[in-house]
Amino acid sequence: MSLMANLYVGASGLTVSQNALNTTAHNMANLDTTGYTRQQVSQGTRAYQTIERKIQHHRP
């Protein structure tokens, strides 16, 4: 796996963790609100595609 792909995996993991923390904070802040229902974060795997650039050498 390339360096950029590894960085993407790390960045997406951090984003998911941040969303989960935000959802938890939202749930705690609205716990006593009338009619409030708890929100959940659903985590799963996601396929991604990389684009490879092929360099062609032209010979005269």
N, C-alpha and C. Protein backbone atom coordinates (compact mmCIF):
# COMPACT_ATOMS: atom_id res chain seq x y z
N MET A 1 0.86 -1.16 0.00
CA MET A 1 0.00 0.00 0.00
C MET A 1 0.91 1.23 0.00
N SER A 2 0.52 2.23 -0.76
CA SER A 2 1.34 3.43 -0.88
C SER A 2 1.24 4.31 0.36
N LEU A 3 2.14 5.26 0.45
CA LEU A 3 2.14 6.18 1.58
C LEU A 3 0.84 6.98 1.65
N MET A 4 0.36 7.46 0.51
CA MET A 4 -0.87 8.25 0.50
C MET A 4 -2.07 7.41 0.93
N ALA A 5 -2.11 6.16 0.54
CA ALA A 5 -3.20 5.27 0.96
C ALA A 5 -3.17 5.06 2.46
N ASN A 6 -1.97 4.90 3.02
CA ASN A 6 -1.85 4.74 4.46
C ASN A 6 -2.29 6.00 5.20
N LEU A 7 -1.92 7.15 4.68
CA LEU A 7 -2.35 8.41 5.29
C LEU A 7 -3.86 8.57 5.21
N TYR A 8 -4.45 8.13 4.11
CA TYR A 8 -5.90 8.20 3.96
C TYR A 8 -6.60 7.31 5.00
N VAL A 9 -6.08 6.14 5.22
CA VAL A 9 -6.65 5.23 6.22
C VAL A 9 -6.59 5.87 7.60
N GLY A 10 -5.46 6.45 7.94
CA GLY A 10 -5.31 7.10 9.22
C GLY A 10 -6.24 8.30 9.38
N ALA A 11 -6.32 9.13 8.34
CA ALA A 11 -7.18 10.32 8.40
C ALA A 11 -8.65 9.95 8.50
N SER A 12 -9.07 8.93 7.78
CA SER A 12 -10.48 8.53 7.84
C SER A 12 -10.81 7.93 9.21
N GLY A 13 -9.86 7.23 9.81
CA GLY A 13 -10.07 6.70 11.16
C GLY A 13 -10.22 7.80 12.18
N LEU A 14 -9.39 8.85 12.06
CA LEU A 14 -9.51 9.99 12.96
C LEU A 14 -10.83 10.72 12.78
N THR A 15 -11.30 10.83 11.55
CA THR A 15 -12.58 11.48 11.28
C THR A 15 -13.73 10.70 11.91
N VAL A 16 -13.71 9.39 11.80
CA VAL A 16 -14.75 8.56 12.40
C VAL A 16 -14.74 8.71 13.92
N SER A 17 -13.55 8.72 14.51
CA SER A 17 -13.46 8.88 15.95
C SER A 17 -13.98 10.24 16.40
N GLN A 18 -13.69 11.29 15.65
CA GLN A 18 -14.19 12.62 15.97
C GLN A 18 -15.71 12.66 15.88
N ASN A 19 -16.27 12.04 14.86
CA ASN A 19 -17.73 11.99 14.72
C ASN A 19 -18.38 11.24 15.88
N ALA A 20 -17.75 10.17 16.32
CA ALA A 20 -18.29 9.40 17.45
C ALA A 20 -18.26 10.24 18.73
N LEU A 21 -17.17 10.99 18.95
CA LEU A 21 -17.09 11.85 20.13
C LEU A 21 -18.13 12.97 20.06
N ASN A 22 -18.32 13.55 18.89
CA ASN A 22 -19.34 14.59 18.73
C ASN A 22 -20.73 14.06 19.00
N THR A 23 -21.01 12.85 18.55
CA THR A 23 -22.32 12.25 18.77
C THR A 23 -22.54 11.97 20.25
N THR A 24 -21.50 11.48 20.92
CA THR A 24 -21.60 11.23 22.36
C THR A 24 -21.87 12.52 23.12
N ALA A 25 -21.16 13.58 22.76
CA ALA A 25 -21.37 14.88 23.41
C ALA A 25 -22.79 15.39 23.16
N HIS A 26 -23.28 15.21 21.94
CA HIS A 26 -24.64 15.62 21.60
C HIS A 26 -25.66 14.85 22.43
N ASN A 27 -25.46 13.55 22.56
CA ASN A 27 -26.36 12.72 23.36
C ASN A 27 -26.37 13.15 24.83
N MET A 28 -25.20 13.44 25.36
CA MET A 28 -25.12 13.83 26.77
C MET A 28 -25.74 15.21 27.00
N ALA A 29 -25.55 16.13 26.05
CA ALA A 29 -26.09 17.48 26.21
C ALA A 29 -27.61 17.50 26.13
N ASN A 30 -28.20 16.57 25.40
CA ASN A 30 -29.64 16.57 25.20
C ASN A 30 -30.36 15.47 25.97
N LEU A 31 -29.69 14.90 26.94
CA LEU A 31 -30.24 13.78 27.70
C LEU A 31 -31.59 14.11 28.34
N ASP A 32 -31.72 15.28 28.89
CA ASP A 32 -32.95 15.66 29.60
C ASP A 32 -33.96 16.40 28.74
N THR A 33 -33.70 16.52 27.45
CA THR A 33 -34.63 17.21 26.54
C THR A 33 -35.83 16.33 26.26
N THR A 34 -37.02 16.91 26.38
CA THR A 34 -38.26 16.16 26.13
C THR A 34 -38.31 15.73 24.66
N GLY A 35 -38.60 14.46 24.44
CA GLY A 35 -38.74 13.93 23.09
C GLY A 35 -37.43 13.60 22.40
N TYR A 36 -36.34 13.74 23.10
CA TYR A 36 -35.04 13.46 22.49
C TYR A 36 -34.82 11.96 22.37
N THR A 37 -34.29 11.54 21.24
CA THR A 37 -33.90 10.14 21.06
C THR A 37 -32.39 10.09 20.79
N ARG A 38 -31.78 9.07 21.32
CA ARG A 38 -30.32 8.91 21.22
C ARG A 38 -29.89 8.68 19.78
N GLN A 39 -28.77 9.28 19.41
CA GLN A 39 -28.18 9.07 18.09
C GLN A 39 -27.02 8.10 18.21
N GLN A 40 -26.75 7.38 17.12
CA GLN A 40 -25.67 6.40 17.11
C GLN A 40 -24.79 6.61 15.89
N VAL A 41 -23.54 6.24 16.05
CA VAL A 41 -22.59 6.26 14.93
C VAL A 41 -22.42 4.82 14.45
N SER A 42 -22.57 4.61 13.17
CA SER A 42 -22.39 3.29 12.59
C SER A 42 -21.05 3.25 11.86
N GLN A 43 -20.19 2.32 12.26
CA GLN A 43 -18.88 2.21 11.63
C GLN A 43 -18.83 0.96 10.77
N GLY A 44 -18.11 1.06 9.68
CA GLY A 44 -17.96 -0.09 8.80
C GLY A 44 -16.78 0.11 7.87
N THR A 45 -16.50 -0.87 7.08
CA THR A 45 -15.40 -0.77 6.13
C THR A 45 -15.88 -0.08 4.86
N ARG A 46 -14.94 0.53 4.19
CA ARG A 46 -15.28 1.24 2.96
C ARG A 46 -14.20 0.97 1.94
N ALA A 47 -14.60 0.62 0.76
CA ALA A 47 -13.65 0.38 -0.32
C ALA A 47 -13.26 1.72 -0.94
N TYR A 48 -12.05 1.83 -1.33
CA TYR A 48 -11.60 3.04 -2.01
C TYR A 48 -10.75 2.63 -3.19
N GLN A 49 -10.62 3.56 -4.11
CA GLN A 49 -9.89 3.28 -5.32
C GLN A 49 -8.73 4.25 -5.43
N THR A 50 -7.59 3.76 -5.81
CA THR A 50 -6.45 4.63 -6.03
C THR A 50 -6.24 4.81 -7.52
N ILE A 51 -5.70 5.94 -7.86
CA ILE A 51 -5.41 6.23 -9.26
C ILE A 51 -3.91 6.17 -9.43
N GLU A 52 -3.48 5.34 -10.35
CA GLU A 52 -2.06 5.21 -10.62
C GLU A 52 -1.72 5.92 -11.92
N ARG A 53 -0.64 6.65 -11.88
CA ARG A 53 -0.20 7.34 -13.08
C ARG A 53 0.93 6.51 -13.70
N LYS A 54 0.72 6.10 -14.92
CA LYS A 54 1.73 5.32 -15.61
C LYS A 54 2.54 6.25 -16.51
N ILE A 55 3.85 6.18 -16.38
CA ILE A 55 4.74 7.01 -17.18
C ILE A 55 5.24 6.19 -18.35
N GLN A 56 5.02 6.73 -19.53
CA GLN A 56 5.48 6.06 -20.74
C GLN A 56 6.68 6.82 -21.29
N HIS A 57 7.72 6.11 -21.59
CA HIS A 57 8.90 6.74 -22.17
C HIS A 57 8.80 6.63 -23.69
N HIS A 58 8.90 7.77 -24.34
CA HIS A 58 8.85 7.79 -25.80
C HIS A 58 10.27 7.74 -26.35
N ARG A 59 10.49 6.82 -27.21
CA ARG A 59 11.81 6.68 -27.83
C ARG A 59 11.76 7.27 -29.22
N PRO A 60 12.75 8.10 -29.56
CA PRO A 60 12.78 8.69 -30.91
C PRO A 60 13.09 7.70 -31.99
